[in-house]
Amino acid sequence: MLHEYRKKTTIKAEQFDGSDEMARKYGLKKFGWKGFIKVPNSKKRFTLDAPMIIEAGDWLIENGKVEVDVLSDEDFRRTYERCD
């Protein structure tokens, strides 16, 4: 029988709003008219499977103090449930 499960571990994440403040925090640079790209040698290191272009509405998930993963809003909401 098929059952529904949610991930048991908690994570720290915030939804990227496209602001200059958040771009600086994560070492992102404006790219095109609505996206941002990862800047080499920034304070944060993105996982290898993170997308090249990050847009407002994407979720930034901190895996420790340095590494960051990126998920679309749809994938994030499908995978995680808020618990605070």
PDB file of N, CA and C in Angstrom:
ATOM      1  N   MET A   1       0.840  -1.182   0.000  1.00  0.00           N
ATOM      2  CA  MET A   1       0.000   0.000   0.000  1.00  0.00           C
ATOM      3  C   MET A   1       0.888   1.250   0.000  1.00  0.00           C
ATOM      4  N   LEU A   2       0.508   2.231  -0.766  1.00  0.00           N
ATOM      5  CA  LEU A   2       1.270   3.474  -0.911  1.00  0.00           C
ATOM      6  C   LEU A   2       0.887   4.451   0.200  1.00  0.00           C
ATOM      7  N   HIS A   3       1.895   5.048   0.857  1.00  0.00           N
ATOM      8  CA  HIS A   3       1.674   6.017   1.935  1.00  0.00           C
ATOM      9  C   HIS A   3       2.405   7.312   1.623  1.00  0.00           C
ATOM     10  N   GLU A   4       2.002   8.394   2.279  1.00  0.00           N
ATOM     11  CA  GLU A   4       2.679   9.685   2.132  1.00  0.00           C
ATOM     12  C   GLU A   4       3.659   9.889   3.273  1.00  0.00           C
ATOM     13  N   TYR A   5       4.845  10.460   2.948  1.00  0.00           N
ATOM     14  CA  TYR A   5       5.883  10.720   3.937  1.00  0.00           C
ATOM     15  C   TYR A   5       6.420  12.127   3.756  1.00  0.00           C
ATOM     16  N   ARG A   6       6.919  12.714   4.845  1.00  0.00           N
ATOM     17  CA  ARG A   6       7.624  13.979   4.748  1.00  0.00           C
ATOM     18  C   ARG A   6       9.016  13.800   5.304  1.00  0.00           C
ATOM     19  N   LYS A   7       9.935  14.601   4.861  1.00  0.00           N
ATOM     20  CA  LYS A   7      11.307  14.495   5.343  1.00  0.00           C
ATOM     21  C   LYS A   7      11.344  14.754   6.840  1.00  0.00           C
ATOM     22  N   LYS A   8      12.154  13.994   7.544  1.00  0.00           N
ATOM     23  CA  LYS A   8      12.217  14.105   8.996  1.00  0.00           C
ATOM     24  C   LYS A   8      13.196  15.166   9.473  1.00  0.00           C
ATOM     25  N   THR A   9      14.208  15.452   8.702  1.00  0.00           N
ATOM     26  CA  THR A   9      15.198  16.427   9.129  1.00  0.00           C
ATOM     27  C   THR A   9      14.690  17.848   8.888  1.00  0.00           C
ATOM     28  N   THR A  10      15.163  18.773   9.691  1.00  0.00           N
ATOM     29  CA  THR A  10      14.801  20.174   9.484  1.00  0.00           C
ATOM     30  C   THR A  10      15.919  20.853   8.689  1.00  0.00           C
ATOM     31  N   ILE A  11      15.566  21.930   8.027  1.00  0.00           N
ATOM     32  CA  ILE A  11      16.522  22.692   7.225  1.00  0.00           C
ATOM     33  C   ILE A  11      16.348  24.172   7.530  1.00  0.00           C
ATOM     34  N   LYS A  12      17.324  24.962   7.152  1.00  0.00           N
ATOM     35  CA  LYS A  12      17.239  26.421   7.201  1.00  0.00           C
ATOM     36  C   LYS A  12      17.116  26.904   5.768  1.00  0.00           C
ATOM     37  N   ALA A  13      16.053  27.643   5.459  1.00  0.00           N
ATOM     38  CA  ALA A  13      15.836  28.100   4.087  1.00  0.00           C
ATOM     39  C   ALA A  13      15.129  29.438   4.089  1.00  0.00           C
ATOM     40  N   GLU A  14      15.342  30.207   3.029  1.00  0.00           N
ATOM     41  CA  GLU A  14      14.588  31.440   2.826  1.00  0.00           C
ATOM     42  C   GLU A  14      14.303  31.601   1.347  1.00  0.00           C
ATOM     43  N   GLN A  15      13.168  32.231   1.061  1.00  0.00           N
ATOM     44  CA  GLN A  15      12.768  32.423  -0.325  1.00  0.00           C
ATOM     45  C   GLN A  15      13.448  33.673  -0.861  1.00  0.00           C
ATOM     46  N   PHE A  16      14.128  33.523  -1.980  1.00  0.00           N
ATOM     47  CA  PHE A  16      14.857  34.635  -2.589  1.00  0.00           C
ATOM     48  C   PHE A  16      13.860  35.643  -3.141  1.00  0.00           C
ATOM     49  N   ASP A  17      14.028  36.920  -2.748  1.00  0.00           N
ATOM     50  CA  ASP A  17      13.079  37.957  -3.174  1.00  0.00           C
ATOM     51  C   ASP A  17      13.623  38.847  -4.293  1.00  0.00           C
ATOM     52  N   GLY A  18      14.830  38.587  -4.744  1.00  0.00           N
ATOM     53  CA  GLY A  18      15.400  39.372  -5.836  1.00  0.00           C
ATOM     54  C   GLY A  18      16.000  40.694  -5.397  1.00  0.00           C
ATOM     55  N   SER A  19      16.053  40.948  -4.092  1.00  0.00           N
ATOM     56  CA  SER A  19      16.585  42.228  -3.607  1.00  0.00           C
ATOM     57  C   SER A  19      18.111  42.244  -3.668  1.00  0.00           C
ATOM     58  N   ASP A  20      18.677  43.454  -3.736  1.00  0.00           N
ATOM     59  CA  ASP A  20      20.129  43.620  -3.724  1.00  0.00           C
ATOM     60  C   ASP A  20      20.725  43.077  -2.429  1.00  0.00           C
ATOM     61  N   GLU A  21      20.008  43.259  -1.324  1.00  0.00           N
ATOM     62  CA  GLU A  21      20.481  42.792  -0.021  1.00  0.00           C
ATOM     63  C   GLU A  21      20.670  41.271  -0.012  1.00  0.00           C
ATOM     64  N   MET A  22      19.673  40.545  -0.497  1.00  0.00           N
ATOM     65  CA  MET A  22      19.793  39.085  -0.537  1.00  0.00           C
ATOM     66  C   MET A  22      20.846  38.645  -1.556  1.00  0.00           C
ATOM     67  N   ALA A  23      20.949  39.362  -2.659  1.00  0.00           N
ATOM     68  CA  ALA A  23      21.957  39.027  -3.666  1.00  0.00           C
ATOM     69  C   ALA A  23      23.356  39.148  -3.059  1.00  0.00           C
ATOM     70  N   ARG A  24      23.602  40.208  -2.291  1.00  0.00           N
ATOM     71  CA  ARG A  24      24.904  40.381  -1.635  1.00  0.00           C
ATOM     72  C   ARG A  24      25.142  39.272  -0.613  1.00  0.00           C
ATOM     73  N   LYS A  25      24.116  38.941   0.168  1.00  0.00           N
ATOM     74  CA  LYS A  25      24.239  37.919   1.211  1.00  0.00           C
ATOM     75  C   LYS A  25      24.684  36.583   0.620  1.00  0.00           C
ATOM     76  N   TYR A  26      24.167  36.232  -0.549  1.00  0.00           N
ATOM     77  CA  TYR A  26      24.478  34.942  -1.164  1.00  0.00           C
ATOM     78  C   TYR A  26      25.501  35.032  -2.295  1.00  0.00           C
ATOM     79  N   GLY A  27      26.082  36.202  -2.504  1.00  0.00           N
ATOM     80  CA  GLY A  27      27.115  36.353  -3.529  1.00  0.00           C
ATOM     81  C   GLY A  27      26.574  36.164  -4.932  1.00  0.00           C
ATOM     82  N   LEU A  28      25.422  36.766  -5.216  1.00  0.00           N
ATOM     83  CA  LEU A  28      24.802  36.658  -6.532  1.00  0.00           C
ATOM     84  C   LEU A  28      24.966  37.951  -7.308  1.00  0.00           C
ATOM     85  N   LYS A  29      24.992  37.842  -8.614  1.00  0.00           N
ATOM     86  CA  LYS A  29      25.138  39.006  -9.490  1.00  0.00           C
ATOM     87  C   LYS A  29      23.956  39.042 -10.444  1.00  0.00           C
ATOM     88  N   LYS A  30      23.413  40.241 -10.680  1.00  0.00           N
ATOM     89  CA  LYS A  30      22.288  40.418 -11.593  1.00  0.00           C
ATOM     90  C   LYS A  30      22.642  39.870 -12.971  1.00  0.00           C
ATOM     91  N   PHE A  31      21.693  39.142 -13.574  1.00  0.00           N
ATOM     92  CA  PHE A  31      21.912  38.555 -14.888  1.00  0.00           C
ATOM     93  C   PHE A  31      20.623  38.694 -15.690  1.00  0.00           C
ATOM     94  N   GLY A  32      20.673  39.447 -16.755  1.00  0.00           N
ATOM     95  CA  GLY A  32      19.464  39.664 -17.544  1.00  0.00           C
ATOM     96  C   GLY A  32      18.492  40.568 -16.805  1.00  0.00           C
ATOM     97  N   TRP A  33      17.224  40.462 -17.148  1.00  0.00           N
ATOM     98  CA  TRP A  33      16.249  41.380 -16.551  1.00  0.00           C
ATOM     99  C   TRP A  33      15.517  40.790 -15.367  1.00  0.00           C
ATOM    100  N   LYS A  34      15.638  39.474 -15.097  1.00  0.00           N
ATOM    101  CA  LYS A  34      14.944  38.939 -13.936  1.00  0.00           C
ATOM    102  C   LYS A  34      15.727  37.902 -13.159  1.00  0.00           C
ATOM    103  N   GLY A  35      16.935  37.571 -13.582  1.00  0.00           N
ATOM    104  CA  GLY A  35      17.678  36.510 -12.923  1.00  0.00           C
ATOM    105  C   GLY A  35      18.952  36.976 -12.262  1.00  0.00           C
ATOM    106  N   PHE A  36      19.553  36.076 -11.518  1.00  0.00           N
ATOM    107  CA  PHE A  36      20.825  36.294 -10.855  1.00  0.00           C
ATOM    108  C   PHE A  36      21.685  35.064 -11.115  1.00  0.00           C
ATOM    109  N   ILE A  37      22.999  35.251 -11.128  1.00  0.00           N
ATOM    110  CA  ILE A  37      23.917  34.133 -11.290  1.00  0.00           C
ATOM    111  C   ILE A  37      24.843  34.068 -10.085  1.00  0.00           C
ATOM    112  N   LYS A  38      25.401  32.891  -9.876  1.00  0.00           N
ATOM    113  CA  LYS A  38      26.349  32.678  -8.788  1.00  0.00           C
ATOM    114  C   LYS A  38      27.688  33.311  -9.166  1.00  0.00           C
ATOM    115  N   VAL A  39      28.302  33.986  -8.228  1.00  0.00           N
ATOM    116  CA  VAL A  39      29.586  34.636  -8.463  1.00  0.00           C
ATOM    117  C   VAL A  39      30.684  33.742  -7.885  1.00  0.00           C
ATOM    118  N   PRO A  40      31.709  33.419  -8.688  1.00  0.00           N
ATOM    119  CA  PRO A  40      32.821  32.611  -8.153  1.00  0.00           C
ATOM    120  C   PRO A  40      33.465  33.299  -6.955  1.00  0.00           C
ATOM    121  N   ASN A  41      33.950  32.511  -6.043  1.00  0.00           N
ATOM    122  CA  ASN A  41      34.656  32.996  -4.848  1.00  0.00           C
ATOM    123  C   ASN A  41      33.777  33.828  -3.923  1.00  0.00           C
ATOM    124  N   SER A  42      32.469  33.576  -3.921  1.00  0.00           N
ATOM    125  CA  SER A  42      31.604  34.283  -2.980  1.00  0.00           C
ATOM    126  C   SER A  42      31.685  33.597  -1.616  1.00  0.00           C
ATOM    127  N   LYS A  43      31.109  34.216  -0.589  1.00  0.00           N
ATOM    128  CA  LYS A  43      31.124  33.652   0.759  1.00  0.00           C
ATOM    129  C   LYS A  43      30.378  32.328   0.821  1.00  0.00           C
ATOM    130  N   LYS A  44      29.366  32.189  -0.007  1.00  0.00           N
ATOM    131  CA  LYS A  44      28.555  30.972  -0.029  1.00  0.00           C
ATOM    132  C   LYS A  44      28.951  30.110  -1.222  1.00  0.00           C
ATOM    133  N   ARG A  45      28.983  28.808  -1.029  1.00  0.00           N
ATOM    134  CA  ARG A  45      29.292  27.870  -2.105  1.00  0.00           C
ATOM    135  C   ARG A  45      28.015  27.123  -2.462  1.00  0.00           C
ATOM    136  N   PHE A  46      27.618  27.161  -3.722  1.00  0.00           N
ATOM    137  CA  PHE A  46      26.395  26.502  -4.156  1.00  0.00           C
ATOM    138  C   PHE A  46      26.690  25.054  -4.543  1.00  0.00           C
ATOM    139  N   THR A  47      25.729  24.183  -4.295  1.00  0.00           N
ATOM    140  CA  THR A  47      25.903  22.782  -4.665  1.00  0.00           C
ATOM    141  C   THR A  47      26.014  22.674  -6.178  1.00  0.00           C
ATOM    142  N   LEU A  48      26.630  21.597  -6.639  1.00  0.00           N
ATOM    143  CA  LEU A  48      26.867  21.431  -8.076  1.00  0.00           C
ATOM    144  C   LEU A  48      25.586  21.319  -8.882  1.00  0.00           C
ATOM    145  N   ASP A  49      24.514  20.808  -8.261  1.00  0.00           N
ATOM    146  CA  ASP A  49      23.268  20.661  -9.013  1.00  0.00           C
ATOM    147  C   ASP A  49      22.359  21.891  -8.917  1.00  0.00           C
ATOM    148  N   ALA A  50      22.830  22.948  -8.248  1.00  0.00           N
ATOM    149  CA  ALA A  50      22.049  24.190  -8.177  1.00  0.00           C
ATOM    150  C   ALA A  50      21.970  24.807  -9.574  1.00  0.00           C
ATOM    151  N   PRO A  51      20.833  25.414  -9.924  1.00  0.00           N
ATOM    152  CA  PRO A  51      20.709  26.007 -11.262  1.00  0.00           C
ATOM    153  C   PRO A  51      21.678  27.178 -11.456  1.00  0.00           C
ATOM    154  N   MET A  52      22.016  27.446 -12.710  1.00  0.00           N
ATOM    155  CA  MET A  52      22.921  28.550 -13.012  1.00  0.00           C
ATOM    156  C   MET A  52      22.252  29.898 -12.769  1.00  0.00           C
ATOM    157  N   ILE A  53      20.975  30.007 -13.089  1.00  0.00           N
ATOM    158  CA  ILE A  53      20.255  31.268 -12.910  1.00  0.00           C
ATOM    159  C   ILE A  53      19.248  31.103 -11.776  1.00  0.00           C
ATOM    160  N   ILE A  54      19.306  32.017 -10.819  1.00  0.00           N
ATOM    161  CA  ILE A  54      18.430  32.001  -9.661  1.00  0.00           C
ATOM    162  C   ILE A  54      17.462  33.165  -9.803  1.00  0.00           C
ATOM    163  N   GLU A  55      16.174  32.897  -9.619  1.00  0.00           N
ATOM    164  CA  GLU A  55      15.151  33.925  -9.796  1.00  0.00           C
ATOM    165  C   GLU A  55      14.414  34.179  -8.492  1.00  0.00           C
ATOM    166  N   ALA A  56      13.783  35.348  -8.386  1.00  0.00           N
ATOM    167  CA  ALA A  56      12.935  35.643  -7.241  1.00  0.00           C
ATOM    168  C   ALA A  56      11.882  34.548  -7.152  1.00  0.00           C
ATOM    169  N   GLY A  57      11.645  34.054  -5.947  1.00  0.00           N
ATOM    170  CA  GLY A  57      10.697  32.969  -5.734  1.00  0.00           C
ATOM    171  C   GLY A  57      11.376  31.633  -5.508  1.00  0.00           C
ATOM    172  N   ASP A  58      12.644  31.490  -5.955  1.00  0.00           N
ATOM    173  CA  ASP A  58      13.391  30.265  -5.678  1.00  0.00           C
ATOM    174  C   ASP A  58      13.736  30.222  -4.194  1.00  0.00           C
ATOM    175  N   TRP A  59      13.977  29.035  -3.691  1.00  0.00           N
ATOM    176  CA  TRP A  59      14.336  28.863  -2.284  1.00  0.00           C
ATOM    177  C   TRP A  59      15.824  28.574  -2.160  1.00  0.00           C
ATOM    178  N   LEU A  60      16.484  29.247  -1.193  1.00  0.00           N
ATOM    179  CA  LEU A  60      17.900  29.059  -0.901  1.00  0.00           C
ATOM    180  C   LEU A  60      17.992  28.265   0.392  1.00  0.00           C
ATOM    181  N   ILE A  61      18.555  27.081   0.325  1.00  0.00           N
ATOM    182  CA  ILE A  61      18.612  26.164   1.455  1.00  0.00           C
ATOM    183  C   ILE A  61      20.053  26.067   1.918  1.00  0.00           C
ATOM    184  N   GLU A  62      20.296  26.429   3.171  1.00  0.00           N
ATOM    185  CA  GLU A  62      21.649  26.414   3.704  1.00  0.00           C
ATOM    186  C   GLU A  62      21.957  25.042   4.274  1.00  0.00           C
ATOM    187  N   ASN A  63      22.980  24.401   3.721  1.00  0.00           N
ATOM    188  CA  ASN A  63      23.460  23.100   4.187  1.00  0.00           C
ATOM    189  C   ASN A  63      24.756  23.333   4.950  1.00  0.00           C
ATOM    190  N   GLY A  64      24.646  23.726   6.193  1.00  0.00           N
ATOM    191  CA  GLY A  64      25.823  24.107   6.962  1.00  0.00           C
ATOM    192  C   GLY A  64      26.049  25.603   6.834  1.00  0.00           C
ATOM    193  N   LYS A  65      27.241  26.069   7.149  1.00  0.00           N
ATOM    194  CA  LYS A  65      27.508  27.506   7.141  1.00  0.00           C
ATOM    195  C   LYS A  65      27.892  28.046   5.768  1.00  0.00           C
ATOM    196  N   VAL A  66      28.380  27.193   4.870  1.00  0.00           N
ATOM    197  CA  VAL A  66      28.912  27.689   3.606  1.00  0.00           C
ATOM    198  C   VAL A  66      28.099  27.224   2.404  1.00  0.00           C
ATOM    199  N   GLU A  67      27.670  25.991   2.374  1.00  0.00           N
ATOM    200  CA  GLU A  67      27.042  25.430   1.181  1.00  0.00           C
ATOM    201  C   GLU A  67      25.552  25.773   1.085  1.00  0.00           C
ATOM    202  N   VAL A  68      25.113  26.113  -0.133  1.00  0.00           N
ATOM    203  CA  VAL A  68      23.720  26.499  -0.390  1.00  0.00           C
ATOM    204  C   VAL A  68      23.182  25.678  -1.560  1.00  0.00           C
ATOM    205  N   ASP A  69      21.966  25.181  -1.401  1.00  0.00           N
ATOM    206  CA  ASP A  69      21.276  24.498  -2.487  1.00  0.00           C
ATOM    207  C   ASP A  69      20.115  25.384  -2.921  1.00  0.00           C
ATOM    208  N   VAL A  70      19.658  25.248  -4.143  1.00  0.00           N
ATOM    209  CA  VAL A  70      18.582  26.077  -4.681  1.00  0.00           C
ATOM    210  C   VAL A  70      17.478  25.165  -5.215  1.00  0.00           C
ATOM    211  N   LEU A  71      16.229  25.468  -4.839  1.00  0.00           N
ATOM    212  CA  LEU A  71      15.072  24.744  -5.361  1.00  0.00           C
ATOM    213  C   LEU A  71      14.039  25.740  -5.859  1.00  0.00           C
ATOM    214  N   SER A  72      13.331  25.362  -6.907  1.00  0.00           N
ATOM    215  CA  SER A  72      12.217  26.197  -7.365  1.00  0.00           C
ATOM    216  C   SER A  72      11.137  26.176  -6.288  1.00  0.00           C
ATOM    217  N   ASP A  73      10.252  27.144  -6.314  1.00  0.00           N
ATOM    218  CA  ASP A  73       9.165  27.204  -5.341  1.00  0.00           C
ATOM    219  C   ASP A  73       8.319  25.928  -5.405  1.00  0.00           C
ATOM    220  N   GLU A  74       8.032  25.466  -6.603  1.00  0.00           N
ATOM    221  CA  GLU A  74       7.220  24.256  -6.775  1.00  0.00           C
ATOM    222  C   GLU A  74       7.893  23.029  -6.145  1.00  0.00           C
ATOM    223  N   ASP A  75       9.172  22.823  -6.430  1.00  0.00           N
ATOM    224  CA  ASP A  75       9.899  21.684  -5.872  1.00  0.00           C
ATOM    225  C   ASP A  75      10.035  21.798  -4.360  1.00  0.00           C
ATOM    226  N   PHE A  76      10.287  23.009  -3.859  1.00  0.00           N
ATOM    227  CA  PHE A  76      10.430  23.204  -2.417  1.00  0.00           C
ATOM    228  C   PHE A  76       9.135  22.850  -1.699  1.00  0.00           C
ATOM    229  N   ARG A  77       8.016  23.370  -2.175  1.00  0.00           N
ATOM    230  CA  ARG A  77       6.727  23.106  -1.520  1.00  0.00           C
ATOM    231  C   ARG A  77       6.311  21.639  -1.627  1.00  0.00           C
ATOM    232  N   ARG A  78       6.766  20.969  -2.671  1.00  0.00           N
ATOM    233  CA  ARG A  78       6.463  19.549  -2.826  1.00  0.00           C
ATOM    234  C   ARG A  78       7.310  18.701  -1.862  1.00  0.00           C
ATOM    235  N   THR A  79       8.502  19.218  -1.488  1.00  0.00           N
ATOM    236  CA  THR A  79       9.452  18.446  -0.700  1.00  0.00           C
ATOM    237  C   THR A  79       9.390  18.749   0.792  1.00  0.00           C
ATOM    238  N   TYR A  80       9.147  19.999   1.159  1.00  0.00           N
ATOM    239  CA  TYR A  80       9.247  20.412   2.555  1.00  0.00           C
ATOM    240  C   TYR A  80       7.927  20.958   3.079  1.00  0.00           C
ATOM    241  N   GLU A  81       7.789  20.837   4.409  1.00  0.00           N
ATOM    242  CA  GLU A  81       6.637  21.388   5.113  1.00  0.00           C
ATOM    243  C   GLU A  81       7.161  22.284   6.220  1.00  0.00           C
ATOM    244  N   ARG A  82       6.626  23.484   6.348  1.00  0.00           N
ATOM    245  CA  ARG A  82       7.086  24.417   7.388  1.00  0.00           C
ATOM    246  C   ARG A  82       6.772  23.849   8.770  1.00  0.00           C
ATOM    247  N   CYS A  83       7.714  23.978   9.700  1.00  0.00           N
ATOM    248  CA  CYS A  83       7.515  23.385  11.031  1.00  0.00           C
ATOM    249  C   CYS A  83       7.792  24.348  12.184  1.00  0.00           C
ATOM    250  N   ASP A  84       7.889  25.644  11.938  1.00  0.00           N
ATOM    251  CA  ASP A  84       8.091  26.574  13.070  1.00  0.00           C
ATOM    252  C   ASP A  84       6.910  27.485  13.272  1.00  0.00           C
TER     253      ASP A  84
END
